[in-house]
Amino acid sequence: AMHDLMTLGWSQNAIDAIPRCMRLPALRKPAEIWGCLYVVEGSTLGGQVITRMVKDRLHLTQENGCAFFAGYGQQTAAMWREFCGSLNTFAEDHPAVQEDIVGAAIETFVRFEEWVTC
């Protein structure tokens, strides 16, 4: 993301002034980490949509200012499927913590929403 901003002409001072998300989800156990990762990895799918829109409208690509949203590029769908397979295996092997997975995913969404709407 920082490289994208610099490519687009942002100064280091402007980048340093961007508010950081300080209220992160509390990840105390593996199930909560899986829930947070579900949100973070899932965002790579949305990034693919954004990448196409930015390329069409602003002519930005992974090389000239849109690397952050490009995620894993053409491997994004495959990486998402692999992640979901691993998550499902963990959840099936640990049914008692499935609520922790969901709770951490929800908390991650809430924290990100708080950050971007402040």
Foldseek 3Di string as FASTA:
>chain_A
DVVLVVLVPDDPVNVVPQDDLPDAFDDDDPLLVLLLVLQVLVQLVVLVVVQVVCCVPVVDHCVRRSVVSCVPPPCSVVVNVVSVVVSVVVCVVCVVCNVSSNVSNVVRVVSVVVSVVD
